[in-house]
Amino acid sequence: MALFKKRTVGKPGEWYYCLEHKKVEEGPECPGKDRFGPYASREEAEHAMQTAQERNLEWETDPKWHDRSDAASGSEDD
């Protein structure tokens, strides 16, 4: 008996965006490494790439994650 069962069929109402096929799927059809989700609606899954791009931009401009100027000047704030 396997400890972990591979889930081959998704739950109704779970939406994913497949990165490989560039399409929205209800329930996981593709491996987890190739998808974003789950999302509550088809519309959210359709905007997965836009959401990811917006989050990446937020993280890239978040001053808490960019202390390069402190390291370059030799000062450290802890």
PDB file of N, CA and C in Angstrom:
ATOM      1  N   MET A   1       0.848  -1.182   0.000  1.00  0.00           N
ATOM      2  CA  MET A   1       0.000   0.000   0.000  1.00  0.00           C
ATOM      3  C   MET A   1       0.892   1.244   0.000  1.00  0.00           C
ATOM      4  N   ALA A   2       0.641   2.127  -0.900  1.00  0.00           N
ATOM      5  CA  ALA A   2       1.434   3.344  -1.023  1.00  0.00           C
ATOM      6  C   ALA A   2       1.078   4.334   0.077  1.00  0.00           C
ATOM      7  N   LEU A   3       2.085   5.048   0.546  1.00  0.00           N
ATOM      8  CA  LEU A   3       1.837   6.075   1.551  1.00  0.00           C
ATOM      9  C   LEU A   3       1.108   7.272   0.967  1.00  0.00           C
ATOM     10  N   PHE A   4       1.479   7.624  -0.238  1.00  0.00           N
ATOM     11  CA  PHE A   4       0.875   8.768  -0.897  1.00  0.00           C
ATOM     12  C   PHE A   4       0.277   8.315  -2.213  1.00  0.00           C
ATOM     13  N   LYS A   5      -0.984   8.617  -2.396  1.00  0.00           N
ATOM     14  CA  LYS A   5      -1.645   8.263  -3.646  1.00  0.00           C
ATOM     15  C   LYS A   5      -1.534   9.427  -4.612  1.00  0.00           C
ATOM     16  N   LYS A   6      -1.239   9.110  -5.840  1.00  0.00           N
ATOM     17  CA  LYS A   6      -1.182  10.124  -6.876  1.00  0.00           C
ATOM     18  C   LYS A   6      -2.608  10.490  -7.253  1.00  0.00           C
ATOM     19  N   ARG A   7      -2.908  11.747  -7.126  1.00  0.00           N
ATOM     20  CA  ARG A   7      -4.250  12.216  -7.433  1.00  0.00           C
ATOM     21  C   ARG A   7      -4.356  12.424  -8.935  1.00  0.00           C
ATOM     22  N   THR A   8      -5.172  11.636  -9.577  1.00  0.00           N
ATOM     23  CA  THR A   8      -5.282  11.723 -11.031  1.00  0.00           C
ATOM     24  C   THR A   8      -6.470  12.571 -11.477  1.00  0.00           C
ATOM     25  N   VAL A   9      -7.445  12.737 -10.603  1.00  0.00           N
ATOM     26  CA  VAL A   9      -8.622  13.514 -10.954  1.00  0.00           C
ATOM     27  C   VAL A   9      -8.780  14.628  -9.934  1.00  0.00           C
ATOM     28  N   GLY A  10      -9.014  15.829 -10.429  1.00  0.00           N
ATOM     29  CA  GLY A  10      -9.180  16.954  -9.528  1.00  0.00           C
ATOM     30  C   GLY A  10     -10.586  17.041  -8.982  1.00  0.00           C
ATOM     31  N   LYS A  11     -10.728  17.892  -8.003  1.00  0.00           N
ATOM     32  CA  LYS A  11     -12.032  18.137  -7.427  1.00  0.00           C
ATOM     33  C   LYS A  11     -12.788  19.114  -8.319  1.00  0.00           C
ATOM     34  N   PRO A  12     -14.075  18.927  -8.488  1.00  0.00           N
ATOM     35  CA  PRO A  12     -14.851  19.910  -9.251  1.00  0.00           C
ATOM     36  C   PRO A  12     -14.721  21.284  -8.596  1.00  0.00           C
ATOM     37  N   GLY A  13     -14.534  22.288  -9.407  1.00  0.00           N
ATOM     38  CA  GLY A  13     -14.391  23.632  -8.888  1.00  0.00           C
ATOM     39  C   GLY A  13     -12.962  24.050  -8.619  1.00  0.00           C
ATOM     40  N   GLU A  14     -11.990  23.161  -8.758  1.00  0.00           N
ATOM     41  CA  GLU A  14     -10.581  23.521  -8.649  1.00  0.00           C
ATOM     42  C   GLU A  14     -10.062  23.822 -10.049  1.00  0.00           C
ATOM     43  N   TRP A  15      -9.523  24.997 -10.209  1.00  0.00           N
ATOM     44  CA  TRP A  15      -9.030  25.416 -11.519  1.00  0.00           C
ATOM     45  C   TRP A  15      -7.526  25.631 -11.456  1.00  0.00           C
ATOM     46  N   TYR A  16      -6.849  25.255 -12.523  1.00  0.00           N
ATOM     47  CA  TYR A  16      -5.397  25.362 -12.620  1.00  0.00           C
ATOM     48  C   TYR A  16      -5.032  25.994 -13.951  1.00  0.00           C
ATOM     49  N   TYR A  17      -3.828  26.575 -13.998  1.00  0.00           N
ATOM     50  CA  TYR A  17      -3.280  27.058 -15.254  1.00  0.00           C
ATOM     51  C   TYR A  17      -2.060  26.224 -15.566  1.00  0.00           C
ATOM     52  N   CYS A  18      -2.082  25.515 -16.690  1.00  0.00           N
ATOM     53  CA  CYS A  18      -0.977  24.667 -17.102  1.00  0.00           C
ATOM     54  C   CYS A  18       0.057  25.520 -17.839  1.00  0.00           C
ATOM     55  N   LEU A  19       1.282  25.534 -17.305  1.00  0.00           N
ATOM     56  CA  LEU A  19       2.361  26.323 -17.895  1.00  0.00           C
ATOM     57  C   LEU A  19       2.878  25.720 -19.187  1.00  0.00           C
ATOM     58  N   GLU A  20       2.800  24.419 -19.299  1.00  0.00           N
ATOM     59  CA  GLU A  20       3.312  23.752 -20.493  1.00  0.00           C
ATOM     60  C   GLU A  20       2.351  23.901 -21.676  1.00  0.00           C
ATOM     61  N   HIS A  21       1.069  23.694 -21.430  1.00  0.00           N
ATOM     62  CA  HIS A  21       0.078  23.758 -22.510  1.00  0.00           C
ATOM     63  C   HIS A  21      -0.558  25.137 -22.653  1.00  0.00           C
ATOM     64  N   LYS A  22      -0.258  26.021 -21.674  1.00  0.00           N
ATOM     65  CA  LYS A  22      -0.786  27.388 -21.677  1.00  0.00           C
ATOM     66  C   LYS A  22      -2.307  27.395 -21.795  1.00  0.00           C
ATOM     67  N   LYS A  23      -2.927  26.590 -20.889  1.00  0.00           N
ATOM     68  CA  LYS A  23      -4.388  26.531 -20.890  1.00  0.00           C
ATOM     69  C   LYS A  23      -4.893  26.319 -19.476  1.00  0.00           C
ATOM     70  N   VAL A  24      -6.173  26.643 -19.297  1.00  0.00           N
ATOM     71  CA  VAL A  24      -6.847  26.461 -18.014  1.00  0.00           C
ATOM     72  C   VAL A  24      -7.412  25.054 -17.959  1.00  0.00           C
ATOM     73  N   GLU A  25      -7.263  24.417 -16.784  1.00  0.00           N
ATOM     74  CA  GLU A  25      -7.765  23.051 -16.597  1.00  0.00           C
ATOM     75  C   GLU A  25      -8.639  23.007 -15.346  1.00  0.00           C
ATOM     76  N   GLU A  26      -9.706  22.252 -15.402  1.00  0.00           N
ATOM     77  CA  GLU A  26     -10.477  22.009 -14.186  1.00  0.00           C
ATOM     78  C   GLU A  26      -9.942  20.725 -13.581  1.00  0.00           C
ATOM     79  N   GLY A  27      -9.458  20.834 -12.372  1.00  0.00           N
ATOM     80  CA  GLY A  27      -8.805  19.689 -11.744  1.00  0.00           C
ATOM     81  C   GLY A  27      -7.418  19.535 -12.328  1.00  0.00           C
ATOM     82  N   PRO A  28      -6.490  18.966 -11.581  1.00  0.00           N
ATOM     83  CA  PRO A  28      -5.136  18.851 -12.109  1.00  0.00           C
ATOM     84  C   PRO A  28      -5.037  17.771 -13.176  1.00  0.00           C
ATOM     85  N   GLU A  29      -4.755  18.201 -14.388  1.00  0.00           N
ATOM     86  CA  GLU A  29      -4.540  17.255 -15.479  1.00  0.00           C
ATOM     87  C   GLU A  29      -3.041  17.026 -15.692  1.00  0.00           C
ATOM     88  N   CYS A  30      -2.256  18.062 -15.441  1.00  0.00           N
ATOM     89  CA  CYS A  30      -0.811  17.999 -15.663  1.00  0.00           C
ATOM     90  C   CYS A  30      -0.082  17.935 -14.318  1.00  0.00           C
ATOM     91  N   PRO A  31       1.188  17.529 -14.324  1.00  0.00           N
ATOM     92  CA  PRO A  31       1.956  17.433 -13.081  1.00  0.00           C
ATOM     93  C   PRO A  31       2.058  18.788 -12.367  1.00  0.00           C
ATOM     94  N   GLY A  32       2.203  18.746 -11.060  1.00  0.00           N
ATOM     95  CA  GLY A  32       2.279  19.952 -10.256  1.00  0.00           C
ATOM     96  C   GLY A  32       3.386  20.900 -10.667  1.00  0.00           C
ATOM     97  N   LYS A  33       4.490  20.374 -11.162  1.00  0.00           N
ATOM     98  CA  LYS A  33       5.608  21.222 -11.583  1.00  0.00           C
ATOM     99  C   LYS A  33       5.265  22.070 -12.800  1.00  0.00           C
ATOM    100  N   ASP A  34       4.184  21.725 -13.495  1.00  0.00           N
ATOM    101  CA  ASP A  34       3.809  22.427 -14.719  1.00  0.00           C
ATOM    102  C   ASP A  34       2.554  23.279 -14.579  1.00  0.00           C
ATOM    103  N   ARG A  35       2.139  23.572 -13.340  1.00  0.00           N
ATOM    104  CA  ARG A  35       0.882  24.305 -13.214  1.00  0.00           C
ATOM    105  C   ARG A  35       0.896  25.283 -12.042  1.00  0.00           C
ATOM    106  N   PHE A  36       0.028  26.271 -12.136  1.00  0.00           N
ATOM    107  CA  PHE A  36      -0.284  27.191 -11.046  1.00  0.00           C
ATOM    108  C   PHE A  36      -1.675  26.842 -10.556  1.00  0.00           C
ATOM    109  N   GLY A  37      -1.909  26.985  -9.270  1.00  0.00           N
ATOM    110  CA  GLY A  37      -3.252  26.758  -8.747  1.00  0.00           C
ATOM    111  C   GLY A  37      -3.210  25.945  -7.482  1.00  0.00           C
ATOM    112  N   PRO A  38      -4.334  25.623  -6.919  1.00  0.00           N
ATOM    113  CA  PRO A  38      -5.676  25.786  -7.485  1.00  0.00           C
ATOM    114  C   PRO A  38      -6.223  27.198  -7.298  1.00  0.00           C
ATOM    115  N   TYR A  39      -7.116  27.544  -8.191  1.00  0.00           N
ATOM    116  CA  TYR A  39      -7.844  28.802  -8.138  1.00  0.00           C
ATOM    117  C   TYR A  39      -9.314  28.491  -7.910  1.00  0.00           C
ATOM    118  N   ALA A  40     -10.022  29.450  -7.340  1.00  0.00           N
ATOM    119  CA  ALA A  40     -11.438  29.256  -7.009  1.00  0.00           C
ATOM    120  C   ALA A  40     -12.339  29.326  -8.237  1.00  0.00           C
ATOM    121  N   SER A  41     -11.870  29.988  -9.290  1.00  0.00           N
ATOM    122  CA  SER A  41     -12.715  30.130 -10.479  1.00  0.00           C
ATOM    123  C   SER A  41     -11.875  30.024 -11.747  1.00  0.00           C
ATOM    124  N   ARG A  42     -12.562  29.782 -12.833  1.00  0.00           N
ATOM    125  CA  ARG A  42     -11.910  29.713 -14.138  1.00  0.00           C
ATOM    126  C   ARG A  42     -11.258  31.061 -14.478  1.00  0.00           C
ATOM    127  N   GLU A  43     -11.950  32.146 -14.148  1.00  0.00           N
ATOM    128  CA  GLU A  43     -11.454  33.484 -14.450  1.00  0.00           C
ATOM    129  C   GLU A  43     -10.130  33.757 -13.728  1.00  0.00           C
ATOM    130  N   GLU A  44     -10.034  33.349 -12.457  1.00  0.00           N
ATOM    131  CA  GLU A  44      -8.773  33.528 -11.728  1.00  0.00           C
ATOM    132  C   GLU A  44      -7.647  32.748 -12.392  1.00  0.00           C
ATOM    133  N   ALA A  45      -7.933  31.531 -12.811  1.00  0.00           N
ATOM    134  CA  ALA A  45      -6.920  30.700 -13.467  1.00  0.00           C
ATOM    135  C   ALA A  45      -6.497  31.304 -14.805  1.00  0.00           C
ATOM    136  N   GLU A  46      -7.432  31.913 -15.517  1.00  0.00           N
ATOM    137  CA  GLU A  46      -7.116  32.538 -16.804  1.00  0.00           C
ATOM    138  C   GLU A  46      -6.138  33.696 -16.634  1.00  0.00           C
ATOM    139  N   HIS A  47      -6.142  34.328 -15.462  1.00  0.00           N
ATOM    140  CA  HIS A  47      -5.266  35.467 -15.192  1.00  0.00           C
ATOM    141  C   HIS A  47      -4.035  35.071 -14.377  1.00  0.00           C
ATOM    142  N   ALA A  48      -3.721  33.798 -14.333  1.00  0.00           N
ATOM    143  CA  ALA A  48      -2.615  33.298 -13.506  1.00  0.00           C
ATOM    144  C   ALA A  48      -1.285  33.944 -13.867  1.00  0.00           C
ATOM    145  N   MET A  49      -0.988  34.070 -15.127  1.00  0.00           N
ATOM    146  CA  MET A  49       0.296  34.633 -15.541  1.00  0.00           C
ATOM    147  C   MET A  49       0.374  36.117 -15.184  1.00  0.00           C
ATOM    148  N   GLN A  50      -0.717  36.837 -15.338  1.00  0.00           N
ATOM    149  CA  GLN A  50      -0.753  38.247 -14.972  1.00  0.00           C
ATOM    150  C   GLN A  50      -0.578  38.405 -13.461  1.00  0.00           C
ATOM    151  N   THR A  51      -1.246  37.557 -12.694  1.00  0.00           N
ATOM    152  CA  THR A  51      -1.115  37.588 -11.239  1.00  0.00           C
ATOM    153  C   THR A  51       0.324  37.312 -10.827  1.00  0.00           C
ATOM    154  N   ALA A  52       0.942  36.321 -11.438  1.00  0.00           N
ATOM    155  CA  ALA A  52       2.337  35.988 -11.130  1.00  0.00           C
ATOM    156  C   ALA A  52       3.259  37.153 -11.473  1.00  0.00           C
ATOM    157  N   GLN A  53       3.018  37.787 -12.598  1.00  0.00           N
ATOM    158  CA  GLN A  53       3.851  38.921 -13.007  1.00  0.00           C
ATOM    159  C   GLN A  53       3.712  40.080 -12.013  1.00  0.00           C
ATOM    160  N   GLU A  54       2.476  40.342 -11.559  1.00  0.00           N
ATOM    161  CA  GLU A  54       2.251  41.414 -10.586  1.00  0.00           C
ATOM    162  C   GLU A  54       2.931  41.098  -9.252  1.00  0.00           C
ATOM    163  N   ARG A  55       2.850  39.854  -8.813  1.00  0.00           N
ATOM    164  CA  ARG A  55       3.488  39.465  -7.553  1.00  0.00           C
ATOM    165  C   ARG A  55       5.004  39.538  -7.663  1.00  0.00           C
ATOM    166  N   ASN A  56       5.553  39.124  -8.789  1.00  0.00           N
ATOM    167  CA  ASN A  56       7.005  39.208  -8.992  1.00  0.00           C
ATOM    168  C   ASN A  56       7.471  40.660  -8.913  1.00  0.00           C
ATOM    169  N   LEU A  57       6.711  41.566  -9.535  1.00  0.00           N
ATOM    170  CA  LEU A  57       7.064  42.976  -9.509  1.00  0.00           C
ATOM    171  C   LEU A  57       7.008  43.511  -8.078  1.00  0.00           C
ATOM    172  N   GLU A  58       5.987  43.121  -7.315  1.00  0.00           N
ATOM    173  CA  GLU A  58       5.897  43.536  -5.912  1.00  0.00           C
ATOM    174  C   GLU A  58       7.117  43.066  -5.126  1.00  0.00           C
ATOM    175  N   TRP A  59       7.500  41.814  -5.309  1.00  0.00           N
ATOM    176  CA  TRP A  59       8.643  41.266  -4.584  1.00  0.00           C
ATOM    177  C   TRP A  59       9.947  41.935  -5.008  1.00  0.00           C
ATOM    178  N   GLU A  60      10.087  42.200  -6.301  1.00  0.00           N
ATOM    179  CA  GLU A  60      11.310  42.818  -6.786  1.00  0.00           C
ATOM    180  C   GLU A  60      11.485  44.242  -6.268  1.00  0.00           C
ATOM    181  N   THR A  61      10.386  44.920  -5.986  1.00  0.00           N
ATOM    182  CA  THR A  61      10.456  46.303  -5.515  1.00  0.00           C
ATOM    183  C   THR A  61      10.237  46.430  -4.017  1.00  0.00           C
ATOM    184  N   ASP A  62      10.126  45.336  -3.301  1.00  0.00           N
ATOM    185  CA  ASP A  62       9.926  45.348  -1.854  1.00  0.00           C
ATOM    186  C   ASP A  62      11.253  45.662  -1.170  1.00  0.00           C
ATOM    187  N   PRO A  63      11.326  46.766  -0.445  1.00  0.00           N
ATOM    188  CA  PRO A  63      12.605  47.145   0.178  1.00  0.00           C
ATOM    189  C   PRO A  63      13.089  46.151   1.240  1.00  0.00           C
ATOM    190  N   LYS A  64      12.197  45.368   1.810  1.00  0.00           N
ATOM    191  CA  LYS A  64      12.615  44.384   2.814  1.00  0.00           C
ATOM    192  C   LYS A  64      13.493  43.301   2.204  1.00  0.00           C
ATOM    193  N   TRP A  65      13.396  43.086   0.907  1.00  0.00           N
ATOM    194  CA  TRP A  65      14.151  42.016   0.255  1.00  0.00           C
ATOM    195  C   TRP A  65      15.386  42.527  -0.461  1.00  0.00           C
ATOM    196  N   HIS A  66      15.591  43.823  -0.443  1.00  0.00           N
ATOM    197  CA  HIS A  66      16.730  44.395  -1.165  1.00  0.00           C
ATOM    198  C   HIS A  66      17.579  45.220  -0.218  1.00  0.00           C
ATOM    199  N   ASP A  67      18.542  44.581   0.411  1.00  0.00           N
ATOM    200  CA  ASP A  67      19.431  45.286   1.319  1.00  0.00           C
ATOM    201  C   ASP A  67      20.812  45.475   0.705  1.00  0.00           C
ATOM    202  N   ARG A  68      20.896  45.426  -0.611  1.00  0.00           N
ATOM    203  CA  ARG A  68      22.174  45.581  -1.297  1.00  0.00           C
ATOM    204  C   ARG A  68      22.822  46.924  -0.986  1.00  0.00           C
ATOM    205  N   SER A  69      22.041  47.991  -0.866  1.00  0.00           N
ATOM    206  CA  SER A  69      22.625  49.302  -0.584  1.00  0.00           C
ATOM    207  C   SER A  69      23.268  49.326   0.799  1.00  0.00           C
ATOM    208  N   ASP A  70      22.673  48.613   1.784  1.00  0.00           N
ATOM    209  CA  ASP A  70      23.271  48.517   3.106  1.00  0.00           C
ATOM    210  C   ASP A  70      24.573  47.739   3.065  1.00  0.00           C
ATOM    211  N   ALA A  71      24.590  46.640   2.323  1.00  0.00           N
ATOM    212  CA  ALA A  71      25.783  45.813   2.229  1.00  0.00           C
ATOM    213  C   ALA A  71      26.907  46.563   1.504  1.00  0.00           C
ATOM    214  N   ALA A  72      26.545  47.335   0.505  1.00  0.00           N
ATOM    215  CA  ALA A  72      27.542  48.074  -0.265  1.00  0.00           C
ATOM    216  C   ALA A  72      28.175  49.179   0.562  1.00  0.00           C
ATOM    217  N   SER A  73      27.373  49.806   1.463  1.00  0.00           N
ATOM    218  CA  SER A  73      27.911  50.902   2.267  1.00  0.00           C
ATOM    219  C   SER A  73      28.619  50.397   3.521  1.00  0.00           C
ATOM    220  N   GLY A  74      28.461  49.111   3.825  1.00  0.00           N
ATOM    221  CA  GLY A  74      29.145  48.517   4.961  1.00  0.00           C
ATOM    222  C   GLY A  74      28.359  48.591   6.257  1.00  0.00           C
ATOM    223  N   SER A  75      27.171  49.171   6.232  1.00  0.00           N
ATOM    224  CA  SER A  75      26.374  49.241   7.452  1.00  0.00           C
ATOM    225  C   SER A  75      25.320  48.139   7.437  1.00  0.00           C
ATOM    226  N   GLU A  76      24.993  47.670   8.624  1.00  0.00           N
ATOM    227  CA  GLU A  76      23.980  46.629   8.764  1.00  0.00           C
ATOM    228  C   GLU A  76      22.984  47.033   9.823  1.00  0.00           C
ATOM    229  N   ASP A  77      21.702  46.928   9.508  1.00  0.00           N
ATOM    230  CA  ASP A  77      20.642  47.203  10.475  1.00  0.00           C
ATOM    231  C   ASP A  77      19.973  45.896  10.814  1.00  0.00           C
ATOM    232  N   ASP A  78      20.072  45.447  12.053  1.00  0.00           N
ATOM    233  CA  ASP A  78      19.407  44.210  12.478  1.00  0.00           C
ATOM    234  C   ASP A  78      18.460  44.496  13.589  1.00  0.00           C
TER     235      ASP A  78
END
